[in-house]
């Protein structure tokens, strides 16, 4: 594919499917349980630490690796249990057709482990329409919004940031993308004010079809 062609980068959880009801509560509980077991904290202390690292770094994993030398592969394996999580994936049946219609190549870029990302994308019937899927383990365990993770992704794709469009529900992740030169789409069902680093704001993923011109 020519380097000049646009490439869509899609976040996974709460972007391509609704993770807030069934997925995130289970992953969060698994993370809290992991911290209790491996850092010898009480459940309340573990919960507070998990939330603190997520707020401070954008990902609990970053804090655990940086401050407690936690093995990221071990942590991700134990906090993303399949197929338990797949039973709670909720999605729009029209999503595969929507993704297929968008011009350009498509890649999923998630803070989850690649095996989880691959399994969810398969469950969503998206794999035939994707060039690649990237979990945090494919970018050196540098989760969004860390700049290093984006740079590793771009290096592997062989694509400049200026030719990429990131579709995300997280403003922090979009801010990094914009600083690198990407176009940005914020999926925000209840957005009020739209920051300047957001190029397009959509209320639901189906509205992307109206903005296919971003790929020109």
C-alpha atoms as a PDB file:
ATOM      1  CA  UNK A   1       0.000   0.000   0.000  1.00  0.00           C
ATOM      2  CA  UNK A   2       1.442   3.434  -0.908  1.00  0.00           C
ATOM      3  CA  UNK A   3       2.719   5.509   2.002  1.00  0.00           C
ATOM      4  CA  UNK A   4       0.519   8.349   0.752  1.00  0.00           C
ATOM      5  CA  UNK A   5      -2.728   6.411   1.305  1.00  0.00           C
ATOM      6  CA  UNK A   6      -4.760   7.163   4.425  1.00  0.00           C
ATOM      7  CA  UNK A   7      -4.962   4.620   7.201  1.00  0.00           C
ATOM      8  CA  UNK A   8      -7.740   4.412   9.783  1.00  0.00           C
ATOM      9  CA  UNK A   9      -6.618   3.552  13.316  1.00  0.00           C
ATOM     10  CA  UNK A  10      -9.473   2.358  15.495  1.00  0.00           C
ATOM     11  CA  UNK A  11      -9.471   2.049  19.235  1.00  0.00           C
ATOM     12  CA  UNK A  12     -11.332  -1.100  20.314  1.00  0.00           C
ATOM     13  CA  UNK A  13     -13.126  -0.907  23.664  1.00  0.00           C
ATOM     14  CA  UNK A  14     -15.937   1.662  23.784  1.00  0.00           C
ATOM     15  CA  UNK A  15     -15.184   2.578  20.181  1.00  0.00           C
ATOM     16  CA  UNK A  16     -15.910  -0.501  18.068  1.00  0.00           C
ATOM     17  CA  UNK A  17     -18.037  -2.109  20.770  1.00  0.00           C
ATOM     18  CA  UNK A  18     -19.665  -1.149  24.064  1.00  0.00           C
ATOM     19  CA  UNK A  19     -17.305  -2.216  26.842  1.00  0.00           C
ATOM     20  CA  UNK A  20     -18.690  -0.144  29.691  1.00  0.00           C
ATOM     21  CA  UNK A  21     -21.416  -2.559  30.796  1.00  0.00           C
ATOM     22  CA  UNK A  22     -19.951  -6.043  30.579  1.00  0.00           C
ATOM     23  CA  UNK A  23     -16.250  -5.867  29.720  1.00  0.00           C
ATOM     24  CA  UNK A  24     -14.648  -3.052  31.712  1.00  0.00           C
ATOM     25  CA  UNK A  25     -16.201  -3.943  35.083  1.00  0.00           C
ATOM     26  CA  UNK A  26     -14.818  -7.471  34.743  1.00  0.00           C
ATOM     27  CA  UNK A  27     -11.374  -6.344  33.590  1.00  0.00           C
ATOM     28  CA  UNK A  28     -11.223  -3.770  36.385  1.00  0.00           C
ATOM     29  CA  UNK A  29     -12.124  -6.413  38.963  1.00  0.00           C
ATOM     30  CA  UNK A  30      -9.492  -8.765  37.549  1.00  0.00           C
ATOM     31  CA  UNK A  31      -6.907  -5.974  37.819  1.00  0.00           C
ATOM     32  CA  UNK A  32      -7.872  -5.219  41.413  1.00  0.00           C
ATOM     33  CA  UNK A  33      -7.693  -8.921  42.308  1.00  0.00           C
ATOM     34  CA  UNK A  34      -4.288  -9.188  40.643  1.00  0.00           C
ATOM     35  CA  UNK A  35      -2.948  -6.239  42.649  1.00  0.00           C
ATOM     36  CA  UNK A  36      -4.296  -7.747  45.887  1.00  0.00           C
ATOM     37  CA  UNK A  37      -2.582 -11.043  45.161  1.00  0.00           C
ATOM     38  CA  UNK A  38       0.758  -9.815  43.839  1.00  0.00           C
ATOM     39  CA  UNK A  39       1.300  -6.615  45.837  1.00  0.00           C
ATOM     40  CA  UNK A  40      -0.191  -7.892  49.108  1.00  0.00           C
ATOM     41  CA  UNK A  41      -2.693  -5.037  49.437  1.00  0.00           C
ATOM     42  CA  UNK A  42      -6.231  -5.003  50.764  1.00  0.00           C
ATOM     43  CA  UNK A  43      -9.036  -4.880  48.172  1.00  0.00           C
ATOM     44  CA  UNK A  44      -9.691  -1.209  48.968  1.00  0.00           C
ATOM     45  CA  UNK A  45      -5.995  -0.325  48.674  1.00  0.00           C
ATOM     46  CA  UNK A  46      -5.732  -2.245  45.412  1.00  0.00           C
ATOM     47  CA  UNK A  47      -8.786  -0.516  43.978  1.00  0.00           C
ATOM     48  CA  UNK A  48      -7.396   2.890  44.913  1.00  0.00           C
ATOM     49  CA  UNK A  49      -4.001   2.081  43.379  1.00  0.00           C
ATOM     50  CA  UNK A  50      -5.578   0.794  40.158  1.00  0.00           C
ATOM     51  CA  UNK A  51      -7.629   3.953  39.716  1.00  0.00           C
ATOM     52  CA  UNK A  52      -4.715   6.212  40.679  1.00  0.00           C
ATOM     53  CA  UNK A  53      -2.419   4.696  38.049  1.00  0.00           C
ATOM     54  CA  UNK A  54      -5.157   4.829  35.427  1.00  0.00           C
ATOM     55  CA  UNK A  55      -5.769   8.522  36.136  1.00  0.00           C
ATOM     56  CA  UNK A  56      -2.067   9.363  36.329  1.00  0.00           C
ATOM     57  CA  UNK A  57      -0.790   7.427  33.315  1.00  0.00           C
ATOM     58  CA  UNK A  58      -3.856   6.575  31.235  1.00  0.00           C
ATOM     59  CA  UNK A  59      -3.304   2.864  31.926  1.00  0.00           C
ATOM     60  CA  UNK A  60      -2.956   0.894  35.168  1.00  0.00           C
ATOM     61  CA  UNK A  61      -0.316  -1.257  33.474  1.00  0.00           C
ATOM     62  CA  UNK A  62       2.106   1.660  33.188  1.00  0.00           C
ATOM     63  CA  UNK A  63       2.091   2.354  36.916  1.00  0.00           C
ATOM     64  CA  UNK A  64       2.476  -1.297  37.864  1.00  0.00           C
ATOM     65  CA  UNK A  65       5.444  -1.797  35.550  1.00  0.00           C
ATOM     66  CA  UNK A  66       7.090   1.503  36.473  1.00  0.00           C
ATOM     67  CA  UNK A  67       6.687   1.328  40.244  1.00  0.00           C
ATOM     68  CA  UNK A  68       6.368  -2.383  41.055  1.00  0.00           C
ATOM     69  CA  UNK A  69       8.301  -4.202  38.287  1.00  0.00           C
ATOM     70  CA  UNK A  70       5.194  -6.201  37.372  1.00  0.00           C
ATOM     71  CA  UNK A  71       5.622  -8.492  34.346  1.00  0.00           C
ATOM     72  CA  UNK A  72       3.278  -6.908  31.767  1.00  0.00           C
ATOM     73  CA  UNK A  73       2.586 -10.169  29.921  1.00  0.00           C
ATOM     74  CA  UNK A  74       1.662 -11.954  33.141  1.00  0.00           C
ATOM     75  CA  UNK A  75      -0.571  -9.050  34.200  1.00  0.00           C
ATOM     76  CA  UNK A  76      -2.409  -8.819  30.870  1.00  0.00           C
ATOM     77  CA  UNK A  77      -2.891 -12.580  30.637  1.00  0.00           C
ATOM     78  CA  UNK A  78      -4.537 -12.760  34.052  1.00  0.00           C
ATOM     79  CA  UNK A  79      -6.695  -9.658  33.649  1.00  0.00           C
ATOM     80  CA  UNK A  80      -8.188 -10.417  30.205  1.00  0.00           C
ATOM     81  CA  UNK A  81      -9.753 -13.885  30.593  1.00  0.00           C
ATOM     82  CA  UNK A  82     -11.129 -15.350  27.382  1.00  0.00           C
ATOM     83  CA  UNK A  83     -13.760 -16.577  26.570  1.00  0.00           C
ATOM     84  CA  UNK A  84     -15.443 -15.071  29.653  1.00  0.00           C
ATOM     85  CA  UNK A  85     -15.082 -11.546  28.275  1.00  0.00           C
ATOM     86  CA  UNK A  86     -16.348 -12.447  24.804  1.00  0.00           C
ATOM     87  CA  UNK A  87     -19.698 -13.440  26.287  1.00  0.00           C
ATOM     88  CA  UNK A  88     -20.218  -9.781  27.187  1.00  0.00           C
ATOM     89  CA  UNK A  89     -19.259  -8.122  23.894  1.00  0.00           C
ATOM     90  CA  UNK A  90     -22.126  -5.934  22.653  1.00  0.00           C
ATOM     91  CA  UNK A  91     -21.950  -4.535  19.123  1.00  0.00           C
ATOM     92  CA  UNK A  92     -23.855  -3.164  16.160  1.00  0.00           C
ATOM     93  CA  UNK A  93     -24.659  -5.831  13.571  1.00  0.00           C
ATOM     94  CA  UNK A  94     -23.986  -3.280  10.826  1.00  0.00           C
ATOM     95  CA  UNK A  95     -20.428  -2.570  11.979  1.00  0.00           C
ATOM     96  CA  UNK A  96     -18.574  -4.867   9.524  1.00  0.00           C
ATOM     97  CA  UNK A  97     -20.329  -3.295   6.533  1.00  0.00           C
ATOM     98  CA  UNK A  98     -19.586   0.208   7.827  1.00  0.00           C
ATOM     99  CA  UNK A  99     -15.884  -0.516   8.278  1.00  0.00           C
ATOM    100  CA  UNK A 100     -15.713  -2.188   4.865  1.00  0.00           C
ATOM    101  CA  UNK A 101     -17.183   0.902   3.163  1.00  0.00           C
ATOM    102  CA  UNK A 102     -14.640   3.349   4.546  1.00  0.00           C
ATOM    103  CA  UNK A 103     -11.898   4.126   1.995  1.00  0.00           C
ATOM    104  CA  UNK A 104      -8.355   3.123   2.904  1.00  0.00           C
ATOM    105  CA  UNK A 105      -6.826   0.463   5.122  1.00  0.00           C
ATOM    106  CA  UNK A 106      -7.939  -0.142   8.693  1.00  0.00           C
ATOM    107  CA  UNK A 107      -5.967  -1.110  11.803  1.00  0.00           C
ATOM    108  CA  UNK A 108      -7.121  -1.643  15.387  1.00  0.00           C
ATOM    109  CA  UNK A 109      -4.838  -0.128  18.054  1.00  0.00           C
ATOM    110  CA  UNK A 110      -5.760  -1.047  21.628  1.00  0.00           C
ATOM    111  CA  UNK A 111      -4.296  -0.956  25.127  1.00  0.00           C
ATOM    112  CA  UNK A 112      -5.413  -4.556  25.609  1.00  0.00           C
ATOM    113  CA  UNK A 113      -3.234  -7.583  24.811  1.00  0.00           C
ATOM    114  CA  UNK A 114      -3.161  -8.641  21.159  1.00  0.00           C
ATOM    115  CA  UNK A 115      -4.828 -12.015  21.766  1.00  0.00           C
ATOM    116  CA  UNK A 116      -7.774 -10.212  23.380  1.00  0.00           C
ATOM    117  CA  UNK A 117      -7.934  -7.638  20.558  1.00  0.00           C
ATOM    118  CA  UNK A 118      -7.830 -10.383  17.922  1.00  0.00           C
ATOM    119  CA  UNK A 119     -10.538 -12.411  19.666  1.00  0.00           C
ATOM    120  CA  UNK A 120     -12.897  -9.444  20.047  1.00  0.00           C
ATOM    121  CA  UNK A 121     -12.376  -8.359  16.428  1.00  0.00           C
ATOM    122  CA  UNK A 122     -13.116 -11.906  15.291  1.00  0.00           C
ATOM    123  CA  UNK A 123     -16.265 -11.914  17.430  1.00  0.00           C
ATOM    124  CA  UNK A 124     -17.278  -8.602  15.823  1.00  0.00           C
ATOM    125  CA  UNK A 125     -16.648 -10.118  12.360  1.00  0.00           C
ATOM    126  CA  UNK A 126     -14.149  -7.374  11.563  1.00  0.00           C
ATOM    127  CA  UNK A 127     -10.984  -9.348  10.820  1.00  0.00           C
ATOM    128  CA  UNK A 128     -11.625  -9.625   7.040  1.00  0.00           C
ATOM    129  CA  UNK A 129     -11.688  -5.817   6.858  1.00  0.00           C
ATOM    130  CA  UNK A 130      -8.558  -5.115   8.929  1.00  0.00           C
ATOM    131  CA  UNK A 131      -4.966  -4.876   7.775  1.00  0.00           C
ATOM    132  CA  UNK A 132      -3.603  -5.614  11.256  1.00  0.00           C
ATOM    133  CA  UNK A 133      -4.496  -5.515  14.940  1.00  0.00           C
ATOM    134  CA  UNK A 134      -2.147  -4.093  17.563  1.00  0.00           C
ATOM    135  CA  UNK A 135      -2.330  -4.720  21.272  1.00  0.00           C
ATOM    136  CA  UNK A 136      -0.081  -3.013  23.788  1.00  0.00           C
ATOM    137  CA  UNK A 137       2.341  -5.958  23.642  1.00  0.00           C
ATOM    138  CA  UNK A 138       3.085  -5.133  19.990  1.00  0.00           C
ATOM    139  CA  UNK A 139       4.211  -1.601  20.840  1.00  0.00           C
ATOM    140  CA  UNK A 140       6.658  -2.415  23.615  1.00  0.00           C
ATOM    141  CA  UNK A 141       4.041  -2.240  26.392  1.00  0.00           C
ATOM    142  CA  UNK A 142       3.737   1.526  25.960  1.00  0.00           C
ATOM    143  CA  UNK A 143      -0.039   2.042  26.205  1.00  0.00           C
ATOM    144  CA  UNK A 144      -1.910   5.018  24.871  1.00  0.00           C
ATOM    145  CA  UNK A 145      -1.546   7.918  25.526  1.00  0.00           C
ATOM    146  CA  UNK A 146       2.241   7.298  25.708  1.00  0.00           C
ATOM    147  CA  UNK A 147       3.920   8.810  22.648  1.00  0.00           C
ATOM    148  CA  UNK A 148       6.361   5.893  22.378  1.00  0.00           C
ATOM    149  CA  UNK A 149       3.570   3.427  21.693  1.00  0.00           C
ATOM    150  CA  UNK A 150       2.268   5.485  18.765  1.00  0.00           C
ATOM    151  CA  UNK A 151       5.766   5.832  17.310  1.00  0.00           C
ATOM    152  CA  UNK A 152       6.351   2.086  17.490  1.00  0.00           C
ATOM    153  CA  UNK A 153       3.021   1.495  15.786  1.00  0.00           C
ATOM    154  CA  UNK A 154       3.842   3.922  12.973  1.00  0.00           C
ATOM    155  CA  UNK A 155       7.282   2.372  12.494  1.00  0.00           C
ATOM    156  CA  UNK A 156       5.768  -1.091  12.075  1.00  0.00           C
ATOM    157  CA  UNK A 157       3.107   0.193   9.698  1.00  0.00           C
ATOM    158  CA  UNK A 158       5.623   2.196   7.678  1.00  0.00           C
ATOM    159  CA  UNK A 159       3.251   5.114   7.631  1.00  0.00           C
ATOM    160  CA  UNK A 160       3.751   8.768   8.666  1.00  0.00           C
ATOM    161  CA  UNK A 161       1.391  10.109  11.311  1.00  0.00           C
ATOM    162  CA  UNK A 162       0.094  12.685   8.830  1.00  0.00           C
ATOM    163  CA  UNK A 163      -1.531   9.892   6.794  1.00  0.00           C
ATOM    164  CA  UNK A 164      -3.371   8.337   9.760  1.00  0.00           C
ATOM    165  CA  UNK A 165      -6.818   8.957  11.249  1.00  0.00           C
ATOM    166  CA  UNK A 166      -7.348   7.878  14.864  1.00  0.00           C
ATOM    167  CA  UNK A 167     -10.907   7.064  15.943  1.00  0.00           C
ATOM    168  CA  UNK A 168     -11.117   7.033  19.757  1.00  0.00           C
ATOM    169  CA  UNK A 169     -13.356   7.616  22.761  1.00  0.00           C
ATOM    170  CA  UNK A 170     -10.437   8.901  24.894  1.00  0.00           C
ATOM    171  CA  UNK A 171      -9.489  12.563  24.621  1.00  0.00           C
ATOM    172  CA  UNK A 172      -6.057  11.956  26.143  1.00  0.00           C
ATOM    173  CA  UNK A 173      -5.291   9.410  23.430  1.00  0.00           C
ATOM    174  CA  UNK A 174      -6.504  11.781  20.723  1.00  0.00           C
ATOM    175  CA  UNK A 175      -4.360  14.608  22.093  1.00  0.00           C
ATOM    176  CA  UNK A 176      -1.198  12.536  21.617  1.00  0.00           C
ATOM    177  CA  UNK A 177      -2.300  11.535  18.131  1.00  0.00           C
ATOM    178  CA  UNK A 178      -2.920  15.149  17.121  1.00  0.00           C
ATOM    179  CA  UNK A 179       0.438  16.261  18.523  1.00  0.00           C
ATOM    180  CA  UNK A 180       2.079  13.682  16.256  1.00  0.00           C
ATOM    181  CA  UNK A 181       0.184  14.977  13.220  1.00  0.00           C
ATOM    182  CA  UNK A 182      -2.714  12.529  12.892  1.00  0.00           C
ATOM    183  CA  UNK A 183      -6.268  13.443  12.060  1.00  0.00           C
ATOM    184  CA  UNK A 184      -8.588  12.742  14.976  1.00  0.00           C
ATOM    185  CA  UNK A 185     -12.158  11.512  15.386  1.00  0.00           C
ATOM    186  CA  UNK A 186     -13.715  11.593  18.849  1.00  0.00           C
ATOM    187  CA  UNK A 187     -16.499   9.111  19.534  1.00  0.00           C
ATOM    188  CA  UNK A 188     -18.474  10.895  22.247  1.00  0.00           C
ATOM    189  CA  UNK A 189     -22.167  10.051  22.693  1.00  0.00           C
ATOM    190  CA  UNK A 190     -22.679  12.918  25.142  1.00  0.00           C
ATOM    191  CA  UNK A 191     -20.026  15.435  24.131  1.00  0.00           C
ATOM    192  CA  UNK A 192     -20.572  19.052  25.109  1.00  0.00           C
ATOM    193  CA  UNK A 193     -17.411  21.012  24.286  1.00  0.00           C
ATOM    194  CA  UNK A 194     -15.091  19.670  21.591  1.00  0.00           C
ATOM    195  CA  UNK A 195     -11.363  20.388  22.105  1.00  0.00           C
ATOM    196  CA  UNK A 196      -9.348  21.984  19.329  1.00  0.00           C
ATOM    197  CA  UNK A 197      -7.261  18.856  18.781  1.00  0.00           C
ATOM    198  CA  UNK A 198     -10.385  16.946  17.689  1.00  0.00           C
ATOM    199  CA  UNK A 199     -11.039  17.228  13.944  1.00  0.00           C
ATOM    200  CA  UNK A 200     -14.408  15.467  13.941  1.00  0.00           C
ATOM    201  CA  UNK A 201     -16.788  14.492  16.753  1.00  0.00           C
ATOM    202  CA  UNK A 202     -19.362  11.726  16.216  1.00  0.00           C
ATOM    203  CA  UNK A 203     -22.047  10.526  18.617  1.00  0.00           C
ATOM    204  CA  UNK A 204     -21.944   6.945  17.378  1.00  0.00           C
ATOM    205  CA  UNK A 205     -19.652   4.879  15.188  1.00  0.00           C
ATOM    206  CA  UNK A 206     -22.242   4.721  12.385  1.00  0.00           C
ATOM    207  CA  UNK A 207     -21.778   8.448  11.746  1.00  0.00           C
ATOM    208  CA  UNK A 208     -18.278   7.785  10.384  1.00  0.00           C
ATOM    209  CA  UNK A 209     -19.795   7.114   6.958  1.00  0.00           C
ATOM    210  CA  UNK A 210     -20.537  10.858   6.711  1.00  0.00           C
ATOM    211  CA  UNK A 211     -16.870  11.650   7.236  1.00  0.00           C
ATOM    212  CA  UNK A 212     -15.270   9.254   4.761  1.00  0.00           C
ATOM    213  CA  UNK A 213     -13.691  12.326   3.161  1.00  0.00           C
ATOM    214  CA  UNK A 214     -11.151  12.384   5.993  1.00  0.00           C
ATOM    215  CA  UNK A 215      -9.346   9.616   4.122  1.00  0.00           C
ATOM    216  CA  UNK A 216      -8.626  11.829   1.101  1.00  0.00           C
END
